[in-house]
Amino acid sequence: IERAMLLKAVSQAQSVVERRNTIPILANVLIEAEGDTVQFRA
């Protein structure tokens, strides 16, 4: 993926993530790739 597109997608997702987390998985972003699309979920 092109860096600018990746940065835009990841920055939107990571801003939702709470910095102080007791549940480790909530600090992560879920990356799902299929077809010609990748989606980032936080």
PDB file of all heavy atoms in Angstrom:
ATOM      1  N   ILE A   1       0.843  -1.196   0.000  1.00  0.00           N
ATOM      2  CA  ILE A   1       0.000   0.000   0.000  1.00  0.00           C
ATOM      3  C   ILE A   1       0.876   1.242   0.000  1.00  0.00           C
ATOM      4  O   ILE A   1       1.973   1.248   0.578  1.00  0.00           O
ATOM      5  CB  ILE A   1      -0.965  -0.018   1.221  1.00  0.00           C
ATOM      6  CG1 ILE A   1      -1.889   1.204   1.209  1.00  0.00           C
ATOM      7  CG2 ILE A   1      -0.200  -0.124   2.540  1.00  0.00           C
ATOM      8  CD1 ILE A   1      -3.009   1.127   2.234  1.00  0.00           C
ATOM      9  N   GLU A   2       0.408   2.278  -0.642  1.00  0.00           N
ATOM     10  CA  GLU A   2       1.150   3.537  -0.714  1.00  0.00           C
ATOM     11  C   GLU A   2       1.167   4.203   0.664  1.00  0.00           C
ATOM     12  O   GLU A   2       0.166   4.189   1.377  1.00  0.00           O
ATOM     13  CB  GLU A   2       0.475   4.427  -1.769  1.00  0.00           C
ATOM     14  CG  GLU A   2       1.393   5.459  -2.395  1.00  0.00           C
ATOM     15  CD  GLU A   2       1.387   6.761  -1.612  1.00  0.00           C
ATOM     16  OE1 GLU A   2       0.289   7.211  -1.254  1.00  0.00           O
ATOM     17  OE2 GLU A   2       2.474   7.294  -1.349  1.00  0.00           O
ATOM     18  N   ARG A   3       2.313   4.745   1.047  1.00  0.00           N
ATOM     19  CA  ARG A   3       2.509   5.255   2.407  1.00  0.00           C
ATOM     20  C   ARG A   3       1.463   6.300   2.816  1.00  0.00           C
ATOM     21  O   ARG A   3       0.933   6.266   3.929  1.00  0.00           O
ATOM     22  CB  ARG A   3       3.919   5.837   2.521  1.00  0.00           C
ATOM     23  CG  ARG A   3       4.243   6.401   3.899  1.00  0.00           C
ATOM     24  CD  ARG A   3       4.550   7.867   3.794  1.00  0.00           C
ATOM     25  NE  ARG A   3       4.851   8.471   5.092  1.00  0.00           N
ATOM     26  CZ  ARG A   3       4.629   9.754   5.341  1.00  0.00           C
ATOM     27  NH1 ARG A   3       4.133  10.537   4.410  1.00  0.00           N
ATOM     28  NH2 ARG A   3       4.917  10.248   6.523  1.00  0.00           N
ATOM     29  N   ALA A   4       1.137   7.249   1.925  1.00  0.00           N
ATOM     30  CA  ALA A   4       0.184   8.318   2.283  1.00  0.00           C
ATOM     31  C   ALA A   4      -1.189   7.742   2.608  1.00  0.00           C
ATOM     32  O   ALA A   4      -1.857   8.167   3.567  1.00  0.00           O
ATOM     33  CB  ALA A   4       0.076   9.336   1.150  1.00  0.00           C
ATOM     34  N   MET A   5      -1.638   6.771   1.821  1.00  0.00           N
ATOM     35  CA  MET A   5      -2.946   6.145   2.075  1.00  0.00           C
ATOM     36  C   MET A   5      -2.936   5.377   3.387  1.00  0.00           C
ATOM     37  O   MET A   5      -3.891   5.415   4.166  1.00  0.00           O
ATOM     38  CB  MET A   5      -3.316   5.192   0.932  1.00  0.00           C
ATOM     39  CG  MET A   5      -3.629   5.893  -0.367  1.00  0.00           C
ATOM     40  SD  MET A   5      -4.149   4.717  -1.622  1.00  0.00           S
ATOM     41  CE  MET A   5      -5.841   4.478  -1.139  1.00  0.00           C
ATOM     42  N   LEU A   6      -1.828   4.687   3.639  1.00  0.00           N
ATOM     43  CA  LEU A   6      -1.704   3.916   4.875  1.00  0.00           C
ATOM     44  C   LEU A   6      -1.689   4.837   6.084  1.00  0.00           C
ATOM     45  O   LEU A   6      -2.356   4.575   7.093  1.00  0.00           O
ATOM     46  CB  LEU A   6      -0.420   3.073   4.828  1.00  0.00           C
ATOM     47  CG  LEU A   6      -0.114   2.212   6.050  1.00  0.00           C
ATOM     48  CD1 LEU A   6      -1.240   1.227   6.323  1.00  0.00           C
ATOM     49  CD2 LEU A   6       1.204   1.471   5.889  1.00  0.00           C
ATOM     50  N   LEU A   7      -0.960   5.927   5.984  1.00  0.00           N
ATOM     51  CA  LEU A   7      -0.862   6.879   7.106  1.00  0.00           C
ATOM     52  C   LEU A   7      -2.230   7.468   7.443  1.00  0.00           C
ATOM     53  O   LEU A   7      -2.609   7.568   8.608  1.00  0.00           O
ATOM     54  CB  LEU A   7       0.135   7.995   6.765  1.00  0.00           C
ATOM     55  CG  LEU A   7       0.343   9.032   7.875  1.00  0.00           C
ATOM     56  CD1 LEU A   7       0.931   8.388   9.122  1.00  0.00           C
ATOM     57  CD2 LEU A   7       1.247  10.163   7.405  1.00  0.00           C
ATOM     58  N   LYS A   8      -2.973   7.857   6.409  1.00  0.00           N
ATOM     59  CA  LYS A   8      -4.301   8.448   6.617  1.00  0.00           C
ATOM     60  C   LYS A   8      -5.215   7.457   7.333  1.00  0.00           C
ATOM     61  O   LYS A   8      -5.913   7.800   8.295  1.00  0.00           O
ATOM     62  CB  LYS A   8      -4.893   8.854   5.263  1.00  0.00           C
ATOM     63  CG  LYS A   8      -6.225   9.570   5.333  1.00  0.00           C
ATOM     64  CD  LYS A   8      -6.579  10.126   3.949  1.00  0.00           C
ATOM     65  CE  LYS A   8      -7.935  10.806   3.955  1.00  0.00           C
ATOM     66  NZ  LYS A   8      -9.049   9.854   4.088  1.00  0.00           N
ATOM     67  N   ALA A   9      -5.198   6.201   6.864  1.00  0.00           N
ATOM     68  CA  ALA A   9      -6.072   5.184   7.448  1.00  0.00           C
ATOM     69  C   ALA A   9      -5.674   4.844   8.885  1.00  0.00           C
ATOM     70  O   ALA A   9      -6.519   4.768   9.777  1.00  0.00           O
ATOM     71  CB  ALA A   9      -6.051   3.925   6.583  1.00  0.00           C
ATOM     72  N   VAL A  10      -4.379   4.681   9.100  1.00  0.00           N
ATOM     73  CA  VAL A  10      -3.905   4.279  10.436  1.00  0.00           C
ATOM     74  C   VAL A  10      -4.059   5.417  11.438  1.00  0.00           C
ATOM     75  O   VAL A  10      -4.380   5.192  12.609  1.00  0.00           O
ATOM     76  CB  VAL A  10      -2.434   3.795  10.371  1.00  0.00           C
ATOM     77  CG1 VAL A  10      -1.891   3.509  11.753  1.00  0.00           C
ATOM     78  CG2 VAL A  10      -2.337   2.536   9.525  1.00  0.00           C
ATOM     79  N   SER A  11      -3.845   6.657  11.002  1.00  0.00           N
ATOM     80  CA  SER A  11      -3.928   7.778  11.953  1.00  0.00           C
ATOM     81  C   SER A  11      -5.357   7.958  12.453  1.00  0.00           C
ATOM     82  O   SER A  11      -5.583   8.254  13.626  1.00  0.00           O
ATOM     83  CB  SER A  11      -3.401   9.075  11.341  1.00  0.00           C
ATOM     84  OG  SER A  11      -4.157   9.426  10.223  1.00  0.00           O
ATOM     85  N   GLN A  12      -6.340   7.770  11.562  1.00  0.00           N
ATOM     86  CA  GLN A  12      -7.740   7.871  11.990  1.00  0.00           C
ATOM     87  C   GLN A  12      -8.056   6.774  13.006  1.00  0.00           C
ATOM     88  O   GLN A  12      -8.678   7.009  14.029  1.00  0.00           O
ATOM     89  CB  GLN A  12      -8.665   7.728  10.779  1.00  0.00           C
ATOM     90  CG  GLN A  12     -10.148   7.764  11.117  1.00  0.00           C
ATOM     91  CD  GLN A  12     -10.659   9.156  11.402  1.00  0.00           C
ATOM     92  OE1 GLN A  12     -10.362  10.092  10.665  1.00  0.00           O
ATOM     93  NE2 GLN A  12     -11.434   9.315  12.458  1.00  0.00           N
ATOM     94  N   ALA A  13      -7.576   5.574  12.717  1.00  0.00           N
ATOM     95  CA  ALA A  13      -7.860   4.444  13.611  1.00  0.00           C
ATOM     96  C   ALA A  13      -7.160   4.583  14.964  1.00  0.00           C
ATOM     97  O   ALA A  13      -7.785   4.417  16.011  1.00  0.00           O
ATOM     98  CB  ALA A  13      -7.451   3.135  12.938  1.00  0.00           C
ATOM     99  N   GLN A  14      -5.870   4.923  14.942  1.00  0.00           N
ATOM    100  CA  GLN A  14      -5.126   4.937  16.212  1.00  0.00           C
ATOM    101  C   GLN A  14      -5.578   6.034  17.168  1.00  0.00           C
ATOM    102  O   GLN A  14      -5.385   5.944  18.370  1.00  0.00           O
ATOM    103  CB  GLN A  14      -3.612   5.032  15.952  1.00  0.00           C
ATOM    104  CG  GLN A  14      -3.120   6.326  15.365  1.00  0.00           C
ATOM    105  CD  GLN A  14      -2.726   7.358  16.399  1.00  0.00           C
ATOM    106  OE1 GLN A  14      -2.251   7.024  17.466  1.00  0.00           O
ATOM    107  NE2 GLN A  14      -2.932   8.612  16.052  1.00  0.00           N
ATOM    108  N   SER A  15      -6.201   7.092  16.641  1.00  0.00           N
ATOM    109  CA  SER A  15      -6.637   8.176  17.535  1.00  0.00           C
ATOM    110  C   SER A  15      -7.783   7.734  18.457  1.00  0.00           C
ATOM    111  O   SER A  15      -8.030   8.353  19.485  1.00  0.00           O
ATOM    112  CB  SER A  15      -7.047   9.413  16.729  1.00  0.00           C
ATOM    113  OG  SER A  15      -8.184   9.126  15.938  1.00  0.00           O
ATOM    114  N   VAL A  16      -8.484   6.680  18.087  1.00  0.00           N
ATOM    115  CA  VAL A  16      -9.561   6.161  18.935  1.00  0.00           C
ATOM    116  C   VAL A  16      -9.007   5.365  20.111  1.00  0.00           C
ATOM    117  O   VAL A  16      -9.589   5.319  21.177  1.00  0.00           O
ATOM    118  CB  VAL A  16     -10.510   5.260  18.081  1.00  0.00           C
ATOM    119  CG1 VAL A  16     -11.478   4.476  18.959  1.00  0.00           C
ATOM    120  CG2 VAL A  16     -11.271   6.104  17.078  1.00  0.00           C
ATOM    121  N   VAL A  17      -7.833   4.760  19.895  1.00  0.00           N
ATOM    122  CA  VAL A  17      -7.232   3.880  20.908  1.00  0.00           C
ATOM    123  C   VAL A  17      -6.870   4.674  22.159  1.00  0.00           C
ATOM    124  O   VAL A  17      -6.253   5.735  22.082  1.00  0.00           O
ATOM    125  CB  VAL A  17      -5.971   3.194  20.328  1.00  0.00           C
ATOM    126  CG1 VAL A  17      -5.210   2.428  21.401  1.00  0.00           C
ATOM    127  CG2 VAL A  17      -6.364   2.261  19.190  1.00  0.00           C
ATOM    128  N   GLU A  18      -7.281   4.158  23.316  1.00  0.00           N
ATOM    129  CA  GLU A  18      -6.932   4.803  24.584  1.00  0.00           C
ATOM    130  C   GLU A  18      -5.465   4.516  24.911  1.00  0.00           C
ATOM    131  O   GLU A  18      -5.009   3.374  24.796  1.00  0.00           O
ATOM    132  CB  GLU A  18      -7.822   4.260  25.707  1.00  0.00           C
ATOM    133  CG  GLU A  18      -9.242   4.784  25.681  1.00  0.00           C
ATOM    134  CD  GLU A  18      -9.343   6.256  26.028  1.00  0.00           C
ATOM    135  OE1 GLU A  18      -8.402   6.794  26.632  1.00  0.00           O
ATOM    136  OE2 GLU A  18     -10.360   6.878  25.664  1.00  0.00           O
ATOM    137  N   ARG A  19      -4.743   5.546  25.329  1.00  0.00           N
ATOM    138  CA  ARG A  19      -3.318   5.375  25.641  1.00  0.00           C
ATOM    139  C   ARG A  19      -3.118   4.462  26.858  1.00  0.00           C
ATOM    140  O   ARG A  19      -2.218   3.657  26.895  1.00  0.00           O
ATOM    141  CB  ARG A  19      -2.669   6.737  25.919  1.00  0.00           C
ATOM    142  CG  ARG A  19      -2.627   7.663  24.701  1.00  0.00           C
ATOM    143  CD  ARG A  19      -1.614   7.185  23.673  1.00  0.00           C
ATOM    144  NE  ARG A  19      -1.655   8.013  22.480  1.00  0.00           N
ATOM    145  CZ  ARG A  19      -2.402   7.764  21.421  1.00  0.00           C
ATOM    146  NH1 ARG A  19      -3.191   6.702  21.409  1.00  0.00           N
ATOM    147  NH2 ARG A  19      -2.376   8.557  20.357  1.00  0.00           N
ATOM    148  N   ARG A  20      -3.954   4.643  27.871  1.00  0.00           N
ATOM    149  CA  ARG A  20      -3.807   3.828  29.082  1.00  0.00           C
ATOM    150  C   ARG A  20      -4.845   2.714  29.034  1.00  0.00           C
ATOM    151  O   ARG A  20      -6.030   2.944  29.258  1.00  0.00           O
ATOM    152  CB  ARG A  20      -4.011   4.690  30.335  1.00  0.00           C
ATOM    153  CG  ARG A  20      -2.918   5.715  30.514  1.00  0.00           C
ATOM    154  CD  ARG A  20      -3.079   6.501  31.797  1.00  0.00           C
ATOM    155  NE  ARG A  20      -4.320   7.248  31.862  1.00  0.00           N
ATOM    156  CZ  ARG A  20      -4.497   8.414  31.249  1.00  0.00           C
ATOM    157  NH1 ARG A  20      -3.521   8.948  30.525  1.00  0.00           N
ATOM    158  NH2 ARG A  20      -5.641   9.061  31.351  1.00  0.00           N
ATOM    159  N   ASN A  21      -4.371   1.522  28.736  1.00  0.00           N
ATOM    160  CA  ASN A  21      -5.271   0.397  28.552  1.00  0.00           C
ATOM    161  C   ASN A  21      -4.956  -0.742  29.493  1.00  0.00           C
ATOM    162  O   ASN A  21      -3.801  -1.083  29.695  1.00  0.00           O
ATOM    163  CB  ASN A  21      -5.131  -0.131  27.118  1.00  0.00           C
ATOM    164  CG  ASN A  21      -6.367   0.199  26.313  1.00  0.00           C
ATOM    165  OD1 ASN A  21      -7.473   0.069  26.806  1.00  0.00           O
ATOM    166  ND2 ASN A  21      -6.167   0.630  25.084  1.00  0.00           N
ATOM    167  N   THR A  22      -5.983  -1.348  30.074  1.00  0.00           N
ATOM    168  CA  THR A  22      -5.755  -2.544  30.890  1.00  0.00           C
ATOM    169  C   THR A  22      -5.996  -3.801  30.055  1.00  0.00           C
ATOM    170  O   THR A  22      -5.595  -4.887  30.442  1.00  0.00           O
ATOM    171  CB  THR A  22      -6.698  -2.553  32.110  1.00  0.00           C
ATOM    172  OG1 THR A  22      -8.033  -2.324  31.643  1.00  0.00           O
ATOM    173  CG2 THR A  22      -6.329  -1.457  33.094  1.00  0.00           C
ATOM    174  N   ILE A  23      -6.668  -3.648  28.913  1.00  0.00           N
ATOM    175  CA  ILE A  23      -6.918  -4.795  28.035  1.00  0.00           C
ATOM    176  C   ILE A  23      -5.994  -4.662  26.825  1.00  0.00           C
ATOM    177  O   ILE A  23      -6.174  -3.784  25.978  1.00  0.00           O
ATOM    178  CB  ILE A  23      -8.394  -4.825  27.582  1.00  0.00           C
ATOM    179  CG1 ILE A  23      -9.329  -4.712  28.785  1.00  0.00           C
ATOM    180  CG2 ILE A  23      -8.690  -6.087  26.775  1.00  0.00           C
ATOM    181  CD1 ILE A  23     -10.778  -4.496  28.444  1.00  0.00           C
ATOM    182  N   PRO A  24      -4.959  -5.507  26.725  1.00  0.00           N
ATOM    183  CA  PRO A  24      -3.936  -5.337  25.678  1.00  0.00           C
ATOM    184  C   PRO A  24      -4.493  -5.252  24.250  1.00  0.00           C
ATOM    185  O   PRO A  24      -4.020  -4.447  23.458  1.00  0.00           O
ATOM    186  CB  PRO A  24      -3.054  -6.591  25.846  1.00  0.00           C
ATOM    187  CG  PRO A  24      -3.243  -7.001  27.269  1.00  0.00           C
ATOM    188  CD  PRO A  24      -4.644  -6.640  27.625  1.00  0.00           C
ATOM    189  N   ILE A  25      -5.518  -6.035  23.942  1.00  0.00           N
ATOM    190  CA  ILE A  25      -6.030  -6.066  22.560  1.00  0.00           C
ATOM    191  C   ILE A  25      -6.602  -4.709  22.140  1.00  0.00           C
ATOM    192  O   ILE A  25      -6.601  -4.364  20.964  1.00  0.00           O
ATOM    193  CB  ILE A  25      -7.088  -7.194  22.384  1.00  0.00           C
ATOM    194  CG1 ILE A  25      -7.385  -7.473  20.900  1.00  0.00           C
ATOM    195  CG2 ILE A  25      -8.377  -6.880  23.126  1.00  0.00           C
ATOM    196  CD1 ILE A  25      -6.338  -8.245  20.178  1.00  0.00           C
ATOM    197  N   LEU A  26      -7.052  -3.916  23.129  1.00  0.00           N
ATOM    198  CA  LEU A  26      -7.644  -2.604  22.789  1.00  0.00           C
ATOM    199  C   LEU A  26      -6.589  -1.592  22.348  1.00  0.00           C
ATOM    200  O   LEU A  26      -6.919  -0.531  21.822  1.00  0.00           O
ATOM    201  CB  LEU A  26      -8.436  -2.041  23.971  1.00  0.00           C
ATOM    202  CG  LEU A  26      -9.721  -2.792  24.344  1.00  0.00           C
ATOM    203  CD1 LEU A  26     -10.444  -2.089  25.474  1.00  0.00           C
ATOM    204  CD2 LEU A  26     -10.652  -2.939  23.146  1.00  0.00           C
ATOM    205  N   ALA A  27      -5.312  -1.918  22.581  1.00  0.00           N
ATOM    206  CA  ALA A  27      -4.241  -1.034  22.102  1.00  0.00           C
ATOM    207  C   ALA A  27      -3.909  -1.335  20.642  1.00  0.00           C
ATOM    208  O   ALA A  27      -3.113  -0.646  20.016  1.00  0.00           O
ATOM    209  CB  ALA A  27      -2.995  -1.206  22.955  1.00  0.00           C
ATOM    210  N   ASN A  28      -4.521  -2.390  20.102  1.00  0.00           N
ATOM    211  CA  ASN A  28      -4.203  -2.828  18.750  1.00  0.00           C
ATOM    212  C   ASN A  28      -5.218  -2.356  17.716  1.00  0.00           C
ATOM    213  O   ASN A  28      -6.352  -2.013  18.045  1.00  0.00           O
ATOM    214  CB  ASN A  28      -4.126  -4.357  18.704  1.00  0.00           C
ATOM    215  CG  ASN A  28      -2.811  -4.879  19.255  1.00  0.00           C
ATOM    216  OD1 ASN A  28      -2.104  -4.160  19.959  1.00  0.00           O
ATOM    217  ND2 ASN A  28      -2.484  -6.114  18.942  1.00  0.00           N
ATOM    218  N   VAL A  29      -4.783  -2.357  16.477  1.00  0.00           N
ATOM    219  CA  VAL A  29      -5.668  -2.097  15.347  1.00  0.00           C
ATOM    220  C   VAL A  29      -5.824  -3.419  14.602  1.00  0.00           C
ATOM    221  O   VAL A  29      -4.858  -4.178  14.444  1.00  0.00           O
ATOM    222  CB  VAL A  29      -5.113  -0.974  14.436  1.00  0.00           C
ATOM    223  CG1 VAL A  29      -3.730  -1.301  13.903  1.00  0.00           C
ATOM    224  CG2 VAL A  29      -6.056  -0.677  13.273  1.00  0.00           C
ATOM    225  N   LEU A  30      -7.058  -3.726  14.202  1.00  0.00           N
ATOM    226  CA  LEU A  30      -7.326  -4.955  13.445  1.00  0.00           C
ATOM    227  C   LEU A  30      -7.165  -4.652  11.954  1.00  0.00           C
ATOM    228  O   LEU A  30      -7.840  -3.764  11.426  1.00  0.00           O
ATOM    229  CB  LEU A  30      -8.746  -5.449  13.748  1.00  0.00           C
ATOM    230  CG  LEU A  30      -9.292  -6.605  12.908  1.00  0.00           C
ATOM    231  CD1 LEU A  30      -8.452  -7.864  13.085  1.00  0.00           C
ATOM    232  CD2 LEU A  30     -10.750  -6.897  13.259  1.00  0.00           C
ATOM    233  N   ILE A  31      -6.254  -5.360  11.312  1.00  0.00           N
ATOM    234  CA  ILE A  31      -6.012  -5.168   9.874  1.00  0.00           C
ATOM    235  C   ILE A  31      -6.636  -6.341   9.127  1.00  0.00           C
ATOM    236  O   ILE A  31      -6.309  -7.505   9.409  1.00  0.00           O
ATOM    237  CB  ILE A  31      -4.491  -5.106   9.573  1.00  0.00           C
ATOM    238  CG1 ILE A  31      -3.810  -4.039  10.445  1.00  0.00           C
ATOM    239  CG2 ILE A  31      -4.244  -4.828   8.093  1.00  0.00           C
ATOM    240  CD1 ILE A  31      -2.291  -4.083  10.393  1.00  0.00           C
ATOM    241  N   GLU A  32      -7.549  -6.043   8.208  1.00  0.00           N
ATOM    242  CA  GLU A  32      -8.221  -7.089   7.429  1.00  0.00           C
ATOM    243  C   GLU A  32      -8.023  -6.805   5.945  1.00  0.00           C
ATOM    244  O   GLU A  32      -8.434  -5.738   5.457  1.00  0.00           O
ATOM    245  CB  GLU A  32      -9.718  -7.121   7.753  1.00  0.00           C
ATOM    246  CG  GLU A  32     -10.023  -7.425   9.214  1.00  0.00           C
ATOM    247  CD  GLU A  32     -11.486  -7.182   9.588  1.00  0.00           C
ATOM    248  OE1 GLU A  32     -11.933  -6.020   9.540  1.00  0.00           O
ATOM    249  OE2 GLU A  32     -12.167  -8.168   9.888  1.00  0.00           O
ATOM    250  N   ALA A  33      -7.403  -7.746   5.234  1.00  0.00           N
ATOM    251  CA  ALA A  33      -7.112  -7.549   3.811  1.00  0.00           C
ATOM    252  C   ALA A  33      -7.878  -8.567   2.976  1.00  0.00           C
ATOM    253  O   ALA A  33      -7.842  -9.764   3.274  1.00  0.00           O
ATOM    254  CB  ALA A  33      -5.618  -7.678   3.560  1.00  0.00           C
ATOM    255  N   GLU A  34      -8.571  -8.059   1.962  1.00  0.00           N
ATOM    256  CA  GLU A  34      -9.310  -8.954   1.066  1.00  0.00           C
ATOM    257  C   GLU A  34      -9.580  -8.236  -0.249  1.00  0.00           C
ATOM    258  O   GLU A  34      -9.856  -7.030  -0.251  1.00  0.00           O
ATOM    259  CB  GLU A  34     -10.635  -9.385   1.716  1.00  0.00           C
ATOM    260  CG  GLU A  34     -11.246 -10.595   1.024  1.00  0.00           C
ATOM    261  CD  GLU A  34     -12.457 -11.136   1.786  1.00  0.00           C
ATOM    262  OE1 GLU A  34     -12.533 -10.971   3.011  1.00  0.00           O
ATOM    263  OE2 GLU A  34     -13.326 -11.710   1.121  1.00  0.00           O
ATOM    264  N   GLY A  35      -9.513  -8.979  -1.365  1.00  0.00           N
ATOM    265  CA  GLY A  35      -9.766  -8.370  -2.671  1.00  0.00           C
ATOM    266  C   GLY A  35      -8.719  -7.322  -2.965  1.00  0.00           C
ATOM    267  O   GLY A  35      -7.518  -7.601  -2.951  1.00  0.00           O
ATOM    268  N   ASP A  36      -9.157  -6.081  -3.183  1.00  0.00           N
ATOM    269  CA  ASP A  36      -8.197  -4.983  -3.391  1.00  0.00           C
ATOM    270  C   ASP A  36      -8.342  -3.937  -2.292  1.00  0.00           C
ATOM    271  O   ASP A  36      -8.046  -2.762  -2.481  1.00  0.00           O
ATOM    272  CB  ASP A  36      -8.392  -4.345  -4.779  1.00  0.00           C
ATOM    273  CG  ASP A  36      -9.791  -3.769  -4.947  1.00  0.00           C
ATOM    274  OD1 ASP A  36     -10.619  -3.951  -4.021  1.00  0.00           O
ATOM    275  OD2 ASP A  36     -10.044  -3.127  -5.982  1.00  0.00           O
ATOM    276  N   THR A  37      -8.824  -4.375  -1.125  1.00  0.00           N
ATOM    277  CA  THR A  37      -9.100  -3.446  -0.029  1.00  0.00           C
ATOM    278  C   THR A  37      -8.475  -3.945   1.265  1.00  0.00           C
ATOM    279  O   THR A  37      -8.468  -5.144   1.543  1.00  0.00           O
ATOM    280  CB  THR A  37     -10.632  -3.303   0.185  1.00  0.00           C
ATOM    281  OG1 THR A  37     -11.225  -2.908  -1.040  1.00  0.00           O
ATOM    282  CG2 THR A  37     -10.948  -2.257   1.237  1.00  0.00           C
ATOM    283  N   VAL A  38      -7.968  -3.000   2.043  1.00  0.00           N
ATOM    284  CA  VAL A  38      -7.532  -3.332   3.401  1.00  0.00           C
ATOM    285  C   VAL A  38      -8.291  -2.414   4.337  1.00  0.00           C
ATOM    286  O   VAL A  38      -8.489  -1.234   4.038  1.00  0.00           O
ATOM    287  CB  VAL A  38      -5.997  -3.177   3.583  1.00  0.00           C
ATOM    288  CG1 VAL A  38      -5.527  -1.770   3.231  1.00  0.00           C
ATOM    289  CG2 VAL A  38      -5.568  -3.525   5.008  1.00  0.00           C
ATOM    290  N   GLN A  39      -8.787  -2.952   5.438  1.00  0.00           N
ATOM    291  CA  GLN A  39      -9.456  -2.070   6.394  1.00  0.00           C
ATOM    292  C   GLN A  39      -8.829  -2.169   7.774  1.00  0.00           C
ATOM    293  O   GLN A  39      -8.353  -3.228   8.193  1.00  0.00           O
ATOM    294  CB  GLN A  39     -10.959  -2.279   6.419  1.00  0.00           C
ATOM    295  CG  GLN A  39     -11.490  -3.606   6.827  1.00  0.00           C
ATOM    296  CD  GLN A  39     -13.015  -3.592   6.839  1.00  0.00           C
ATOM    297  OE1 GLN A  39     -13.670  -2.844   6.106  1.00  0.00           O
ATOM    298  NE2 GLN A  39     -13.609  -4.423   7.677  1.00  0.00           N
ATOM    299  N   PHE A  40      -8.803  -1.017   8.423  1.00  0.00           N
ATOM    300  CA  PHE A  40      -8.191  -0.883   9.738  1.00  0.00           C
ATOM    301  C   PHE A  40      -9.304  -0.565  10.725  1.00  0.00           C
ATOM    302  O   PHE A  40     -10.030   0.415  10.548  1.00  0.00           O
ATOM    303  CB  PHE A  40      -7.141   0.237   9.729  1.00  0.00           C
ATOM    304  CG  PHE A  40      -6.028  -0.014   8.747  1.00  0.00           C
ATOM    305  CD1 PHE A  40      -6.164   0.350   7.407  1.00  0.00           C
ATOM    306  CD2 PHE A  40      -4.859  -0.640   9.146  1.00  0.00           C
ATOM    307  CE1 PHE A  40      -5.153   0.108   6.494  1.00  0.00           C
ATOM    308  CE2 PHE A  40      -3.837  -0.892   8.242  1.00  0.00           C
ATOM    309  CZ  PHE A  40      -3.989  -0.520   6.913  1.00  0.00           C
ATOM    310  N   ARG A  41      -9.400  -1.376  11.763  1.00  0.00           N
ATOM    311  CA  ARG A  41     -10.491  -1.222  12.729  1.00  0.00           C
ATOM    312  C   ARG A  41      -9.897  -1.024  14.117  1.00  0.00           C
ATOM    313  O   ARG A  41      -9.035  -1.788  14.547  1.00  0.00           O
ATOM    314  CB  ARG A  41     -11.362  -2.481  12.709  1.00  0.00           C
ATOM    315  CG  ARG A  41     -12.640  -2.415  13.539  1.00  0.00           C
ATOM    316  CD  ARG A  41     -13.319  -3.787  13.567  1.00  0.00           C
ATOM    317  NE  ARG A  41     -13.741  -4.235  12.250  1.00  0.00           N
ATOM    318  CZ  ARG A  41     -14.968  -4.076  11.748  1.00  0.00           C
ATOM    319  NH1 ARG A  41     -15.899  -3.489  12.480  1.00  0.00           N
ATOM    320  NH2 ARG A  41     -15.263  -4.534  10.546  1.00  0.00           N
ATOM    321  N   ALA A  42     -10.359   0.016  14.815  1.00  0.00           N
ATOM    322  CA  ALA A  42      -9.893   0.266  16.186  1.00  0.00           C
ATOM    323  C   ALA A  42     -11.096   0.588  17.054  1.00  0.00           C
ATOM    324  O   ALA A  42     -12.100   1.127  16.572  1.00  0.00           O
ATOM    325  CB  ALA A  42      -8.902   1.424  16.215  1.00  0.00           C
TER     326      ALA A  42
END
